[in-house]
Amino acid sequence: MSTPARIAVLASGRGSNLQAITAAIAAGQLDARIVAVLSDKPDAPALQHVAADQRWARSPKDVADREAFDAALGDALAGFAPDWVVCAGYMRILGAAFVERFDGRLINIHPSLLPLYKGLHTHARALEAGDAEHGASVHFVVPALDAGTVLAQARVPVLPGDTAQTLAERVLAVEHPLLIASLQWLVAGRVTERQGQLHLDGHPLFSPLRLDSAGKLNR
């Protein structure tokens, strides 16, 4: 029997993606366990989903500068010995030293079809551009914002009359299954990333995997 993968989650808000991961683990769909939740907001609701000894939170205002905060976060994270680190609604940009420290095991879920619409307000920007499709991406984290190699994407149609809110709700509905499907492949060791190149079962993967209507990833 394999040892469950150790997952740490960085979150700034309510933790809906964290809850999706926890539910998948409980249902036997993901061979992993949550070992920690870390936040830049001491009152983040996401922290309440784990035991007190699995929480770490500190306000950036309480440390000298960005580098000091990232160092404290990195030291705390390393203490939980995670196999994978998932940025799930973590709203603070991670510095280069932190990213390099956890290189190759740090992933993020972003509400756009990267490389389109890095950063914030992705749904409004997709509507302004007149896009026919929008969606979400799971990618490896690099120092540049939302610029890491994309592992997988889920697409949704942009419908007539959509607002940023209705489009956001449609994207959120595919974010959770996309994240879980991606983690299933990662914890099983099927997907690796080396120097910006993805490998699937040992072979180069040149385009993101796509989530199908059954919640499975396909080439």
Protein backbone atom coordinates (compact mmCIF):
# COMPACT_ATOMS: atom_id res chain seq x y z
CA MET A 1 0.00 0.00 0.00
CA SER A 2 1.35 3.42 -0.96
CA THR A 3 1.89 6.16 1.59
CA PRO A 4 -0.61 8.99 1.09
CA ALA A 5 0.94 12.13 -0.37
CA ARG A 6 1.38 15.00 2.06
CA ILE A 7 -0.40 18.14 0.83
CA ALA A 8 -0.05 21.60 2.32
CA VAL A 9 -2.45 24.33 1.23
CA LEU A 10 -1.86 28.07 1.06
CA ALA A 11 -5.14 29.98 1.30
CA SER A 12 -6.29 33.51 2.01
CA GLY A 13 -10.07 33.06 2.04
CA ARG A 14 -12.84 30.63 2.81
CA GLY A 15 -11.04 27.57 1.46
CA SER A 16 -13.52 26.14 -1.05
CA ASN A 17 -10.74 24.41 -2.99
CA LEU A 18 -9.35 23.08 0.28
CA GLN A 19 -12.78 21.64 1.09
CA ALA A 20 -12.87 20.00 -2.34
CA ILE A 21 -9.51 18.35 -1.66
CA THR A 22 -10.64 17.19 1.77
CA ALA A 23 -13.86 15.75 0.32
CA ALA A 24 -11.95 13.89 -2.40
CA ILE A 25 -9.62 12.38 0.21
CA ALA A 26 -12.56 11.32 2.39
CA ALA A 27 -14.26 9.70 -0.61
CA GLY A 28 -11.16 7.70 -1.47
CA GLN A 29 -10.68 9.61 -4.74
CA LEU A 30 -7.31 11.10 -3.79
CA ASP A 31 -4.48 9.19 -2.12
CA ALA A 32 -3.32 12.06 0.06
CA ARG A 33 -3.77 13.84 3.34
CA ILE A 34 -3.79 17.50 4.29
CA VAL A 35 -0.87 18.15 6.63
CA ALA A 36 -1.18 21.93 6.94
CA VAL A 37 -3.03 25.08 5.95
CA LEU A 38 -1.01 28.29 5.89
CA SER A 39 -2.33 31.80 5.38
CA ASP A 40 -1.35 35.45 5.17
CA LYS A 41 -4.61 36.27 6.96
CA PRO A 42 -4.88 35.07 10.58
CA ASP A 43 -8.70 35.20 10.39
CA ALA A 44 -9.01 33.27 7.12
CA PRO A 45 -11.92 30.77 7.38
CA ALA A 46 -9.80 28.17 5.55
CA LEU A 47 -7.71 27.72 8.68
CA GLN A 48 -10.68 26.24 10.52
CA HIS A 49 -10.68 23.15 8.29
CA VAL A 50 -7.64 21.63 10.00
CA ALA A 51 -6.53 21.04 13.58
CA ALA A 52 -4.77 23.82 15.47
CA ASP A 53 -1.36 22.17 15.16
CA GLN A 54 -1.78 22.07 11.37
CA ARG A 55 -2.38 25.82 11.04
CA TRP A 56 0.05 28.65 10.45
CA ALA A 57 -0.93 32.24 9.86
CA ARG A 58 0.76 35.57 10.11
CA SER A 59 -0.08 39.03 8.85
CA PRO A 60 2.52 40.51 6.51
CA LYS A 61 2.18 43.70 8.56
CA ASP A 62 3.80 41.92 11.50
CA VAL A 63 7.15 41.34 9.77
CA ALA A 64 9.79 43.68 8.41
CA ASP A 65 9.32 43.17 4.68
CA ARG A 66 8.22 40.79 1.92
CA GLU A 67 11.42 38.75 2.11
CA ALA A 68 11.04 38.24 5.86
CA PHE A 69 7.44 37.13 5.46
CA ASP A 70 8.31 34.67 2.69
CA ALA A 71 11.17 33.29 4.78
CA ALA A 72 8.89 32.74 7.77
CA LEU A 73 6.23 31.15 5.57
CA GLY A 74 8.83 28.92 3.92
CA ASP A 75 10.31 27.78 7.22
CA ALA A 76 6.86 26.96 8.59
CA LEU A 77 5.90 25.13 5.42
CA ALA A 78 9.11 23.09 5.37
CA GLY A 79 8.37 22.02 8.94
CA PHE A 80 5.25 20.20 7.72
CA ALA A 81 7.34 18.28 5.13
CA PRO A 82 4.81 18.47 2.27
CA ASP A 83 5.14 16.49 -0.95
CA TRP A 84 2.92 19.03 -2.71
CA VAL A 85 2.02 22.64 -1.97
CA VAL A 86 -1.27 23.89 -3.39
CA CYS A 87 -2.02 27.60 -3.71
CA ALA A 88 -5.80 27.58 -3.45
CA GLY A 89 -7.12 31.11 -3.31
CA TYR A 90 -3.83 32.42 -1.91
CA MET A 91 -3.86 36.09 -2.85
CA ARG A 92 -0.29 37.07 -2.06
CA ILE A 93 2.46 36.93 -4.69
CA LEU A 94 5.23 34.54 -3.67
CA GLY A 95 8.82 35.76 -3.97
CA ALA A 96 11.49 34.09 -6.07
CA ALA A 97 13.39 32.63 -3.12
CA PHE A 98 10.26 30.95 -1.77
CA VAL A 99 9.29 29.57 -5.19
CA GLU A 100 12.77 28.20 -5.79
CA ARG A 101 12.76 26.54 -2.37
CA PHE A 102 9.69 24.48 -3.31
CA ASP A 103 10.34 24.27 -7.04
CA GLY A 104 8.61 21.42 -8.83
CA ARG A 105 6.04 20.76 -6.11
CA LEU A 106 4.24 24.09 -5.92
CA ILE A 107 1.03 24.44 -7.94
CA ASN A 108 -1.70 27.04 -8.30
CA ILE A 109 -5.22 27.10 -9.70
CA HIS A 110 -6.04 30.25 -11.68
CA PRO A 111 -9.42 31.33 -13.11
CA SER A 112 -8.49 31.79 -16.76
CA LEU A 113 -7.19 29.86 -19.73
CA LEU A 114 -3.55 30.78 -19.27
CA PRO A 115 -1.57 32.41 -20.74
CA LEU A 116 -4.64 34.64 -21.10
CA TYR A 117 -5.53 37.00 -18.25
CA LYS A 118 -2.82 36.62 -15.66
CA GLY A 119 -3.57 38.35 -12.39
CA LEU A 120 -6.94 39.66 -11.25
CA HIS A 121 -10.39 40.38 -12.76
CA THR A 122 -10.09 37.53 -15.24
CA HIS A 123 -13.82 37.09 -15.86
CA ALA A 124 -14.45 40.74 -16.68
CA ARG A 125 -11.43 40.77 -18.97
CA ALA A 126 -12.66 37.70 -20.85
CA LEU A 127 -16.03 39.38 -21.37
CA GLU A 128 -14.43 42.63 -22.49
CA ALA A 129 -12.36 40.71 -25.06
CA GLY A 130 -15.45 39.00 -26.46
CA ASP A 131 -14.09 35.51 -25.83
CA ALA A 132 -16.25 32.52 -26.74
CA GLU A 133 -14.59 30.37 -24.06
CA HIS A 134 -13.21 30.94 -20.61
CA GLY A 135 -12.08 28.57 -17.89
CA ALA A 136 -9.47 27.64 -15.30
CA SER A 137 -5.89 26.40 -15.32
CA VAL A 138 -3.71 24.41 -12.92
CA HIS A 139 -0.08 25.41 -13.32
CA PHE A 140 3.28 25.07 -11.66
CA VAL A 141 4.35 28.21 -9.83
CA VAL A 142 7.36 30.22 -10.98
CA PRO A 143 8.53 33.64 -9.77
CA ALA A 144 6.70 35.47 -12.58
CA LEU A 145 2.97 35.90 -11.91
CA ASP A 146 0.82 33.07 -13.33
CA ALA A 147 3.57 32.24 -15.84
CA GLY A 148 4.46 28.65 -14.90
CA THR A 149 3.93 25.59 -17.06
CA VAL A 150 0.24 24.76 -17.37
CA LEU A 151 -0.62 21.19 -16.40
CA ALA A 152 -4.36 21.11 -17.09
CA GLN A 153 -7.30 23.28 -18.09
CA ALA A 154 -11.08 23.20 -17.96
CA ARG A 155 -13.12 25.20 -20.45
CA VAL A 156 -16.59 26.69 -20.18
CA PRO A 157 -18.61 28.61 -22.78
CA VAL A 158 -19.19 32.33 -22.49
CA LEU A 159 -22.94 32.76 -22.91
CA PRO A 160 -24.95 35.70 -24.23
CA GLY A 161 -25.88 37.99 -21.35
CA ASP A 162 -23.10 36.74 -19.08
CA THR A 163 -21.82 39.06 -16.38
CA ALA A 164 -18.52 38.70 -14.57
CA GLN A 165 -20.47 37.11 -11.70
CA THR A 166 -22.34 34.51 -13.76
CA LEU A 167 -19.18 33.63 -15.66
CA ALA A 168 -17.26 33.33 -12.38
CA GLU A 169 -19.87 30.89 -11.06
CA ARG A 170 -19.58 28.75 -14.18
CA VAL A 171 -15.80 28.67 -13.90
CA LEU A 172 -15.92 27.84 -10.19
CA ALA A 173 -18.02 24.78 -11.00
CA VAL A 174 -15.12 23.32 -12.99
CA GLU A 175 -12.29 24.58 -10.78
CA HIS A 176 -12.80 21.98 -8.09
CA PRO A 177 -12.91 18.89 -10.35
CA LEU A 178 -9.96 20.31 -12.32
CA LEU A 179 -7.85 20.67 -9.20
CA ILE A 180 -8.75 17.20 -7.90
CA ALA A 181 -8.07 15.52 -11.25
CA SER A 182 -4.71 17.30 -11.48
CA LEU A 183 -3.73 16.25 -7.98
CA GLN A 184 -4.69 12.65 -8.73
CA TRP A 185 -2.13 12.57 -11.54
CA LEU A 186 0.51 14.41 -9.53
CA VAL A 187 0.34 12.32 -6.36
CA ALA A 188 0.39 9.15 -8.48
CA GLY A 189 3.67 10.33 -9.99
CA ARG A 190 2.30 10.28 -13.52
CA VAL A 191 3.14 13.92 -14.21
CA THR A 192 6.44 15.61 -13.47
CA GLU A 193 7.88 18.98 -14.39
CA ARG A 194 11.53 19.60 -15.15
CA GLN A 195 12.86 22.97 -16.28
CA GLY A 196 9.51 24.06 -17.66
CA GLN A 197 8.80 20.81 -19.50
CA LEU A 198 5.99 18.51 -18.41
CA HIS A 199 6.38 14.74 -18.66
CA LEU A 200 3.45 12.34 -18.60
CA ASP A 201 4.36 8.74 -17.75
CA GLY A 202 7.94 9.62 -18.66
CA HIS A 203 7.12 11.17 -22.05
CA PRO A 204 7.14 14.90 -22.91
CA LEU A 205 3.75 16.60 -22.75
CA PHE A 206 3.57 19.59 -25.06
CA SER A 207 0.06 20.90 -24.34
CA PRO A 208 -2.10 21.06 -21.21
CA LEU A 209 -4.33 18.15 -20.29
CA ARG A 210 -8.05 18.91 -20.62
CA LEU A 211 -10.84 18.14 -18.20
CA ASP A 212 -13.73 16.25 -19.79
CA SER A 213 -17.39 16.22 -18.77
CA ALA A 214 -16.77 13.21 -16.52
CA GLY A 215 -14.15 15.08 -14.52
CA LYS A 216 -11.22 13.17 -16.00
CA LEU A 217 -8.07 14.53 -17.61
CA ASN A 218 -7.24 13.70 -21.21
CA ARG A 219 -4.60 14.71 -23.71
